[in-house]
Amino acid sequence: MLAIAACCLGLGSLLFISVGMAGLLALPVRALIPLLLGTGCAVVLGAVGLKRIKANGQRGRGLAIAGCGAGAAGFLLVSVVVATLSSGL
């Protein structure tokens, strides 16, 4: 269950970021803070999901890895955007 939540959060955040970067949606600066939280939660949920999957032998390892990866990529992208916006470029 945590793996599914991690994957949804991570991929949803990446989708929102990519739409904003394409200019289809003007990303206000105040929208970046929840994105940072969402991507961070995706990484944490994915890591916890991986730990539980390993301990219990459940399925969903790929979803947990995808959530971690997408969350980390989204966090990196949003961090770069925030740094760029805050520096005034």
PDB file of N, CA and C in Angstrom:
ATOM      1  N   MET A   1       0.814  -1.193   0.000  1.00  0.00           N
ATOM      2  CA  MET A   1       0.000   0.000   0.000  1.00  0.00           C
ATOM      3  C   MET A   1       0.865   1.267   0.000  1.00  0.00           C
ATOM      4  N   LEU A   2       1.946   1.252   0.781  1.00  0.00           N
ATOM      5  CA  LEU A   2       2.845   2.404   0.808  1.00  0.00           C
ATOM      6  C   LEU A   2       3.551   2.588  -0.529  1.00  0.00           C
ATOM      7  N   ALA A   3       3.823   1.474  -1.199  1.00  0.00           N
ATOM      8  CA  ALA A   3       4.489   1.551  -2.496  1.00  0.00           C
ATOM      9  C   ALA A   3       3.597   2.248  -3.518  1.00  0.00           C
ATOM     10  N   ILE A   4       2.320   1.964  -3.487  1.00  0.00           N
ATOM     11  CA  ILE A   4       1.380   2.604  -4.412  1.00  0.00           C
ATOM     12  C   ILE A   4       1.285   4.094  -4.111  1.00  0.00           C
ATOM     13  N   ALA A   5       1.212   4.444  -2.840  1.00  0.00           N
ATOM     14  CA  ALA A   5       1.143   5.858  -2.461  1.00  0.00           C
ATOM     15  C   ALA A   5       2.413   6.594  -2.875  1.00  0.00           C
ATOM     16  N   ALA A   6       3.565   5.972  -2.690  1.00  0.00           N
ATOM     17  CA  ALA A   6       4.829   6.594  -3.079  1.00  0.00           C
ATOM     18  C   ALA A   6       4.883   6.815  -4.579  1.00  0.00           C
ATOM     19  N   CYS A   7       4.469   5.821  -5.330  1.00  0.00           N
ATOM     20  CA  CYS A   7       4.497   5.930  -6.792  1.00  0.00           C
ATOM     21  C   CYS A   7       3.540   7.021  -7.263  1.00  0.00           C
ATOM     22  N   CYS A   8       2.351   7.073  -6.709  1.00  0.00           N
ATOM     23  CA  CYS A   8       1.374   8.101  -7.097  1.00  0.00           C
ATOM     24  C   CYS A   8       1.875   9.501  -6.752  1.00  0.00           C
ATOM     25  N   LEU A   9       2.409   9.670  -5.562  1.00  0.00           N
ATOM     26  CA  LEU A   9       2.933  10.983  -5.170  1.00  0.00           C
ATOM     27  C   LEU A   9       4.104  11.413  -6.046  1.00  0.00           C
ATOM     28  N   GLY A  10       5.015  10.500  -6.274  1.00  0.00           N
ATOM     29  CA  GLY A  10       6.193  10.831  -7.069  1.00  0.00           C
ATOM     30  C   GLY A  10       5.853  11.151  -8.518  1.00  0.00           C
ATOM     31  N   LEU A  11       5.058  10.296  -9.147  1.00  0.00           N
ATOM     32  CA  LEU A  11       4.711  10.517 -10.552  1.00  0.00           C
ATOM     33  C   LEU A  11       3.756  11.697 -10.716  1.00  0.00           C
ATOM     34  N   GLY A  12       2.857  11.874  -9.762  1.00  0.00           N
ATOM     35  CA  GLY A  12       1.959  13.034  -9.817  1.00  0.00           C
ATOM     36  C   GLY A  12       2.711  14.345  -9.705  1.00  0.00           C
ATOM     37  N   SER A  13       3.692  14.383  -8.833  1.00  0.00           N
ATOM     38  CA  SER A  13       4.507  15.592  -8.687  1.00  0.00           C
ATOM     39  C   SER A  13       5.313  15.860  -9.952  1.00  0.00           C
ATOM     40  N   LEU A  14       5.888  14.806 -10.529  1.00  0.00           N
ATOM     41  CA  LEU A  14       6.642  14.984 -11.771  1.00  0.00           C
ATOM     42  C   LEU A  14       5.742  15.470 -12.906  1.00  0.00           C
ATOM     43  N   LEU A  15       4.526  14.953 -12.967  1.00  0.00           N
ATOM     44  CA  LEU A  15       3.586  15.395 -13.999  1.00  0.00           C
ATOM     45  C   LEU A  15       3.242  16.867 -13.819  1.00  0.00           C
ATOM     46  N   PHE A  16       2.989  17.284 -12.599  1.00  0.00           N
ATOM     47  CA  PHE A  16       2.657  18.682 -12.330  1.00  0.00           C
ATOM     48  C   PHE A  16       3.830  19.595 -12.665  1.00  0.00           C
ATOM     49  N   ILE A  17       5.050  19.155 -12.335  1.00  0.00           N
ATOM     50  CA  ILE A  17       6.238  19.948 -12.634  1.00  0.00           C
ATOM     51  C   ILE A  17       6.441  20.061 -14.138  1.00  0.00           C
ATOM     52  N   SER A  18       6.281  18.953 -14.859  1.00  0.00           N
ATOM     53  CA  SER A  18       6.512  18.976 -16.304  1.00  0.00           C
ATOM     54  C   SER A  18       5.484  19.826 -17.024  1.00  0.00           C
ATOM     55  N   VAL A  19       4.245  19.816 -16.578  1.00  0.00           N
ATOM     56  CA  VAL A  19       3.229  20.670 -17.175  1.00  0.00           C
ATOM     57  C   VAL A  19       3.565  22.132 -16.922  1.00  0.00           C
ATOM     58  N   GLY A  20       4.032  22.442 -15.734  1.00  0.00           N
ATOM     59  CA  GLY A  20       4.421  23.810 -15.410  1.00  0.00           C
ATOM     60  C   GLY A  20       5.621  24.266 -16.211  1.00  0.00           C
ATOM     61  N   MET A  21       6.580  23.381 -16.414  1.00  0.00           N
ATOM     62  CA  MET A  21       7.773  23.737 -17.175  1.00  0.00           C
ATOM     63  C   MET A  21       7.450  23.937 -18.651  1.00  0.00           C
ATOM     64  N   ALA A  22       6.452  23.234 -19.146  1.00  0.00           N
ATOM     65  CA  ALA A  22       6.081  23.361 -20.554  1.00  0.00           C
ATOM     66  C   ALA A  22       5.317  24.652 -20.819  1.00  0.00           C
ATOM     67  N   GLY A  23       4.970  25.381 -19.784  1.00  0.00           N
ATOM     68  CA  GLY A  23       4.271  26.651 -19.948  1.00  0.00           C
ATOM     69  C   GLY A  23       2.761  26.514 -20.041  1.00  0.00           C
ATOM     70  N   LEU A  24       2.254  25.305 -19.878  1.00  0.00           N
ATOM     71  CA  LEU A  24       0.809  25.110 -19.940  1.00  0.00           C
ATOM     72  C   LEU A  24       0.122  25.570 -18.661  1.00  0.00           C
ATOM     73  N   LEU A  25       0.886  25.633 -17.611  1.00  0.00           N
ATOM     74  CA  LEU A  25       0.347  26.016 -16.311  1.00  0.00           C
ATOM     75  C   LEU A  25       1.387  26.896 -15.637  1.00  0.00           C
ATOM     76  N   ALA A  26       1.020  28.106 -15.311  1.00  0.00           N
ATOM     77  CA  ALA A  26       1.967  29.011 -14.653  1.00  0.00           C
ATOM     78  C   ALA A  26       2.119  28.563 -13.205  1.00  0.00           C
ATOM     79  N   LEU A  27       3.301  28.060 -12.871  1.00  0.00           N
ATOM     80  CA  LEU A  27       3.551  27.601 -11.513  1.00  0.00           C
ATOM     81  C   LEU A  27       3.862  28.791 -10.613  1.00  0.00           C
ATOM     82  N   PRO A  28       2.943  29.142  -9.717  1.00  0.00           N
ATOM     83  CA  PRO A  28       3.291  30.198  -8.772  1.00  0.00           C
ATOM     84  C   PRO A  28       4.298  29.667  -7.753  1.00  0.00           C
ATOM     85  N   VAL A  29       5.039  30.567  -7.177  1.00  0.00           N
ATOM     86  CA  VAL A  29       6.074  30.165  -6.224  1.00  0.00           C
ATOM     87  C   VAL A  29       5.454  29.445  -5.035  1.00  0.00           C
ATOM     88  N   ARG A  30       4.270  29.849  -4.643  1.00  0.00           N
ATOM     89  CA  ARG A  30       3.646  29.198  -3.483  1.00  0.00           C
ATOM     90  C   ARG A  30       3.236  27.751  -3.779  1.00  0.00           C
ATOM     91  N   ALA A  31       3.182  27.363  -5.050  1.00  0.00           N
ATOM     92  CA  ALA A  31       2.873  25.973  -5.399  1.00  0.00           C
ATOM     93  C   ALA A  31       4.091  25.078  -5.292  1.00  0.00           C
ATOM     94  N   LEU A  32       5.261  25.671  -5.180  1.00  0.00           N
ATOM     95  CA  LEU A  32       6.482  24.869  -5.135  1.00  0.00           C
ATOM     96  C   LEU A  32       6.702  24.230  -3.769  1.00  0.00           C
ATOM     97  N   ILE A  33       6.241  24.862  -2.714  1.00  0.00           N
ATOM     98  CA  ILE A  33       6.432  24.305  -1.367  1.00  0.00           C
ATOM     99  C   ILE A  33       5.667  22.992  -1.204  1.00  0.00           C
ATOM    100  N   PRO A  34       4.375  22.913  -1.573  1.00  0.00           N
ATOM    101  CA  PRO A  34       3.704  21.614  -1.486  1.00  0.00           C
ATOM    102  C   PRO A  34       4.334  20.558  -2.399  1.00  0.00           C
ATOM    103  N   LEU A  35       4.882  20.983  -3.522  1.00  0.00           N
ATOM    104  CA  LEU A  35       5.567  20.032  -4.392  1.00  0.00           C
ATOM    105  C   LEU A  35       6.806  19.466  -3.715  1.00  0.00           C
ATOM    106  N   LEU A  36       7.545  20.313  -3.008  1.00  0.00           N
ATOM    107  CA  LEU A  36       8.703  19.818  -2.259  1.00  0.00           C
ATOM    108  C   LEU A  36       8.268  18.811  -1.197  1.00  0.00           C
ATOM    109  N   LEU A  37       7.174  19.120  -0.511  1.00  0.00           N
ATOM    110  CA  LEU A  37       6.661  18.195   0.509  1.00  0.00           C
ATOM    111  C   LEU A  37       6.176  16.895  -0.122  1.00  0.00           C
ATOM    112  N   GLY A  38       5.490  17.003  -1.255  1.00  0.00           N
ATOM    113  CA  GLY A  38       4.969  15.806  -1.930  1.00  0.00           C
ATOM    114  C   GLY A  38       6.076  14.898  -2.430  1.00  0.00           C
ATOM    115  N   THR A  39       7.100  15.501  -3.020  1.00  0.00           N
ATOM    116  CA  THR A  39       8.201  14.678  -3.516  1.00  0.00           C
ATOM    117  C   THR A  39       9.001  14.070  -2.365  1.00  0.00           C
ATOM    118  N   GLY A  40       9.160  14.842  -1.292  1.00  0.00           N
ATOM    119  CA  GLY A  40       9.841  14.296  -0.111  1.00  0.00           C
ATOM    120  C   GLY A  40       9.063  13.149   0.501  1.00  0.00           C
ATOM    121  N   CYS A  41       7.752  13.293   0.564  1.00  0.00           N
ATOM    122  CA  CYS A  41       6.908  12.204   1.087  1.00  0.00           C
ATOM    123  C   CYS A  41       6.982  10.974   0.194  1.00  0.00           C
ATOM    124  N   ALA A  42       7.075  11.164  -1.118  1.00  0.00           N
ATOM    125  CA  ALA A  42       7.185  10.032  -2.030  1.00  0.00           C
ATOM    126  C   ALA A  42       8.453   9.233  -1.756  1.00  0.00           C
ATOM    127  N   VAL A  43       9.550   9.939  -1.513  1.00  0.00           N
ATOM    128  CA  VAL A  43      10.812   9.255  -1.220  1.00  0.00           C
ATOM    129  C   VAL A  43      10.709   8.495   0.104  1.00  0.00           C
ATOM    130  N   VAL A  44      10.153   9.144   1.113  1.00  0.00           N
ATOM    131  CA  VAL A  44      10.043   8.506   2.434  1.00  0.00           C
ATOM    132  C   VAL A  44       9.106   7.303   2.375  1.00  0.00           C
ATOM    133  N   LEU A  45       7.943   7.465   1.754  1.00  0.00           N
ATOM    134  CA  LEU A  45       6.994   6.348   1.650  1.00  0.00           C
ATOM    135  C   LEU A  45       7.584   5.201   0.839  1.00  0.00           C
ATOM    136  N   GLY A  46       8.311   5.527  -0.217  1.00  0.00           N
ATOM    137  CA  GLY A  46       8.946   4.480  -1.014  1.00  0.00           C
ATOM    138  C   GLY A  46       9.980   3.706  -0.210  1.00  0.00           C
ATOM    139  N   ALA A  47      10.771   4.424   0.577  1.00  0.00           N
ATOM    140  CA  ALA A  47      11.792   3.765   1.395  1.00  0.00           C
ATOM    141  C   ALA A  47      11.161   2.883   2.466  1.00  0.00           C
ATOM    142  N   VAL A  48      10.112   3.394   3.118  1.00  0.00           N
ATOM    143  CA  VAL A  48       9.421   2.602   4.138  1.00  0.00           C
ATOM    144  C   VAL A  48       8.744   1.395   3.484  1.00  0.00           C
ATOM    145  N   GLY A  49       8.152   1.617   2.308  1.00  0.00           N
ATOM    146  CA  GLY A  49       7.525   0.518   1.582  1.00  0.00           C
ATOM    147  C   GLY A  49       8.535  -0.561   1.205  1.00  0.00           C
ATOM    148  N   LEU A  50       9.715  -0.149   0.745  1.00  0.00           N
ATOM    149  CA  LEU A  50      10.757  -1.125   0.417  1.00  0.00           C
ATOM    150  C   LEU A  50      11.171  -1.940   1.638  1.00  0.00           C
ATOM    151  N   LYS A  51      11.272  -1.258   2.777  1.00  0.00           N
ATOM    152  CA  LYS A  51      11.670  -1.957   4.006  1.00  0.00           C
ATOM    153  C   LYS A  51      10.605  -2.978   4.407  1.00  0.00           C
ATOM    154  N   ARG A  52       9.329  -2.583   4.314  1.00  0.00           N
ATOM    155  CA  ARG A  52       8.254  -3.513   4.675  1.00  0.00           C
ATOM    156  C   ARG A  52       8.142  -4.663   3.684  1.00  0.00           C
ATOM    157  N   ILE A  53       8.360  -4.371   2.407  1.00  0.00           N
ATOM    158  CA  ILE A  53       8.292  -5.421   1.391  1.00  0.00           C
ATOM    159  C   ILE A  53       9.393  -6.449   1.632  1.00  0.00           C
ATOM    160  N   LYS A  54      10.566  -5.966   1.974  1.00  0.00           N
ATOM    161  CA  LYS A  54      11.679  -6.877   2.245  1.00  0.00           C
ATOM    162  C   LYS A  54      11.413  -7.713   3.497  1.00  0.00           C
ATOM    163  N   ALA A  55      10.842  -7.092   4.521  1.00  0.00           N
ATOM    164  CA  ALA A  55      10.602  -7.803   5.780  1.00  0.00           C
ATOM    165  C   ALA A  55       9.462  -8.820   5.658  1.00  0.00           C
ATOM    166  N   ASN A  56       8.394  -8.470   4.932  1.00  0.00           N
ATOM    167  CA  ASN A  56       7.212  -9.322   4.872  1.00  0.00           C
ATOM    168  C   ASN A  56       7.139 -10.168   3.612  1.00  0.00           C
ATOM    169  N   GLY A  57       7.998  -9.898   2.641  1.00  0.00           N
ATOM    170  CA  GLY A  57       7.958 -10.658   1.398  1.00  0.00           C
ATOM    171  C   GLY A  57       6.755 -10.328   0.525  1.00  0.00           C
ATOM    172  N   GLN A  58       6.235  -9.128   0.667  1.00  0.00           N
ATOM    173  CA  GLN A  58       5.069  -8.733  -0.118  1.00  0.00           C
ATOM    174  C   GLN A  58       5.479  -8.316  -1.525  1.00  0.00           C
ATOM    175  N   ARG A  59       4.488  -8.050  -2.351  1.00  0.00           N
ATOM    176  CA  ARG A  59       4.726  -7.584  -3.707  1.00  0.00           C
ATOM    177  C   ARG A  59       4.711  -6.055  -3.727  1.00  0.00           C
ATOM    178  N   GLY A  60       5.205  -5.479  -4.828  1.00  0.00           N
ATOM    179  CA  GLY A  60       5.161  -4.033  -4.985  1.00  0.00           C
ATOM    180  C   GLY A  60       6.518  -3.366  -4.932  1.00  0.00           C
ATOM    181  N   ARG A  61       7.575  -4.153  -5.039  1.00  0.00           N
ATOM    182  CA  ARG A  61       8.928  -3.599  -4.958  1.00  0.00           C
ATOM    183  C   ARG A  61       9.172  -2.583  -6.069  1.00  0.00           C
ATOM    184  N   GLY A  62       8.704  -2.880  -7.272  1.00  0.00           N
ATOM    185  CA  GLY A  62       8.895  -1.971  -8.399  1.00  0.00           C
ATOM    186  C   GLY A  62       8.186  -0.642  -8.201  1.00  0.00           C
ATOM    187  N   LEU A  63       6.987  -0.682  -7.629  1.00  0.00           N
ATOM    188  CA  LEU A  63       6.253   0.556  -7.353  1.00  0.00           C
ATOM    189  C   LEU A  63       6.983   1.403  -6.315  1.00  0.00           C
ATOM    190  N   ALA A  64       7.519   0.748  -5.307  1.00  0.00           N
ATOM    191  CA  ALA A  64       8.253   1.483  -4.276  1.00  0.00           C
ATOM    192  C   ALA A  64       9.510   2.121  -4.854  1.00  0.00           C
ATOM    193  N   ILE A  65      10.205   1.401  -5.713  1.00  0.00           N
ATOM    194  CA  ILE A  65      11.409   1.949  -6.346  1.00  0.00           C
ATOM    195  C   ILE A  65      11.036   3.100  -7.270  1.00  0.00           C
ATOM    196  N   ALA A  66       9.951   2.944  -8.019  1.00  0.00           N
ATOM    197  CA  ALA A  66       9.496   4.023  -8.898  1.00  0.00           C
ATOM    198  C   ALA A  66       9.117   5.263  -8.095  1.00  0.00           C
ATOM    199  N   GLY A  67       8.471   5.075  -6.956  1.00  0.00           N
ATOM    200  CA  GLY A  67       8.116   6.202  -6.097  1.00  0.00           C
ATOM    201  C   GLY A  67       9.337   6.914  -5.560  1.00  0.00           C
ATOM    202  N   CYS A  68      10.339   6.145  -5.149  1.00  0.00           N
ATOM    203  CA  CYS A  68      11.590   6.754  -4.662  1.00  0.00           C
ATOM    204  C   CYS A  68      12.285   7.526  -5.770  1.00  0.00           C
ATOM    205  N   GLY A  69      12.378   6.914  -6.932  1.00  0.00           N
ATOM    206  CA  GLY A  69      13.065   7.554  -8.051  1.00  0.00           C
ATOM    207  C   GLY A  69      12.353   8.798  -8.545  1.00  0.00           C
ATOM    208  N   ALA A  70      11.043   8.699  -8.723  1.00  0.00           N
ATOM    209  CA  ALA A  70      10.271   9.854  -9.190  1.00  0.00           C
ATOM    210  C   ALA A  70      10.261  10.958  -8.148  1.00  0.00           C
ATOM    211  N   GLY A  71      10.162  10.587  -6.882  1.00  0.00           N
ATOM    212  CA  GLY A  71      10.194  11.587  -5.822  1.00  0.00           C
ATOM    213  C   GLY A  71      11.533  12.294  -5.755  1.00  0.00           C
ATOM    214  N   ALA A  72      12.618  11.542  -5.891  1.00  0.00           N
ATOM    215  CA  ALA A  72      13.952  12.149  -5.860  1.00  0.00           C
ATOM    216  C   ALA A  72      14.166  13.066  -7.058  1.00  0.00           C
ATOM    217  N   ALA A  73      13.721  12.623  -8.241  1.00  0.00           N
ATOM    218  CA  ALA A  73      13.864  13.459  -9.435  1.00  0.00           C
ATOM    219  C   ALA A  73      13.029  14.729  -9.317  1.00  0.00           C
ATOM    220  N   GLY A  74      11.815  14.591  -8.822  1.00  0.00           N
ATOM    221  CA  GLY A  74      10.954  15.761  -8.626  1.00  0.00           C
ATOM    222  C   GLY A  74      11.525  16.719  -7.605  1.00  0.00           C
ATOM    223  N   PHE A  75      12.062  16.179  -6.517  1.00  0.00           N
ATOM    224  CA  PHE A  75      12.667  17.025  -5.489  1.00  0.00           C
ATOM    225  C   PHE A  75      13.846  17.802  -6.065  1.00  0.00           C
ATOM    226  N   LEU A  76      14.652  17.129  -6.872  1.00  0.00           N
ATOM    227  CA  LEU A  76      15.797  17.786  -7.494  1.00  0.00           C
ATOM    228  C   LEU A  76      15.344  18.896  -8.442  1.00  0.00           C
ATOM    229  N   LEU A  77      14.344  18.606  -9.268  1.00  0.00           N
ATOM    230  CA  LEU A  77      13.837  19.619 -10.201  1.00  0.00           C
ATOM    231  C   LEU A  77      13.254  20.827  -9.478  1.00  0.00           C
ATOM    232  N   VAL A  78      12.453  20.586  -8.474  1.00  0.00           N
ATOM    233  CA  VAL A  78      11.839  21.694  -7.741  1.00  0.00           C
ATOM    234  C   VAL A  78      12.905  22.492  -6.998  1.00  0.00           C
ATOM    235  N   SER A  79      13.903  21.820  -6.454  1.00  0.00           N
ATOM    236  CA  SER A  79      14.986  22.531  -5.768  1.00  0.00           C
ATOM    237  C   SER A  79      15.743  23.445  -6.718  1.00  0.00           C
ATOM    238  N   VAL A  80      15.993  22.978  -7.945  1.00  0.00           N
ATOM    239  CA  VAL A  80      16.671  23.803  -8.936  1.00  0.00           C
ATOM    240  C   VAL A  80      15.807  25.006  -9.309  1.00  0.00           C
ATOM    241  N   VAL A  81      14.514  24.788  -9.481  1.00  0.00           N
ATOM    242  CA  VAL A  81      13.608  25.892  -9.824  1.00  0.00           C
ATOM    243  C   VAL A  81      13.549  26.910  -8.694  1.00  0.00           C
ATOM    244  N   VAL A  82      13.453  26.457  -7.460  1.00  0.00           N
ATOM    245  CA  VAL A  82      13.413  27.372  -6.315  1.00  0.00           C
ATOM    246  C   VAL A  82      14.718  28.160  -6.220  1.00  0.00           C
ATOM    247  N   ALA A  83      15.843  27.481  -6.416  1.00  0.00           N
ATOM    248  CA  ALA A  83      17.140  28.181  -6.355  1.00  0.00           C
ATOM    249  C   ALA A  83      17.251  29.207  -7.469  1.00  0.00           C
ATOM    250  N   THR A  84      16.759  28.875  -8.657  1.00  0.00           N
ATOM    251  CA  THR A  84      16.803  29.804  -9.778  1.00  0.00           C
ATOM    252  C   THR A  84      15.908  31.007  -9.528  1.00  0.00           C
ATOM    253  N   LEU A  85      14.700  30.762  -9.043  1.00  0.00           N
ATOM    254  CA  LEU A  85      13.778  31.853  -8.779  1.00  0.00           C
ATOM    255  C   LEU A  85      14.257  32.757  -7.643  1.00  0.00           C
ATOM    256  N   SER A  86      14.872  32.157  -6.639  1.00  0.00           N
ATOM    257  CA  SER A  86      15.320  32.952  -5.502  1.00  0.00           C
ATOM    258  C   SER A  86      16.571  33.768  -5.836  1.00  0.00           C
ATOM    259  N   SER A  87      17.346  33.320  -6.822  1.00  0.00           N
ATOM    260  CA  SER A  87      18.535  34.081  -7.203  1.00  0.00           C
ATOM    261  C   SER A  87      18.209  35.208  -8.177  1.00  0.00           C
ATOM    262  N   GLY A  88      16.997  35.205  -8.695  1.00  0.00           N
ATOM    263  CA  GLY A  88      16.559  36.290  -9.563  1.00  0.00           C
ATOM    264  C   GLY A  88      16.899  36.108 -11.020  1.00  0.00           C
ATOM    265  N   LEU A  89      17.253  34.915 -11.450  1.00  0.00           N
ATOM    266  CA  LEU A  89      17.585  34.677 -12.857  1.00  0.00           C
ATOM    267  C   LEU A  89      16.368  34.446 -13.653  1.00  0.00           C
TER     268      LEU A  89
END
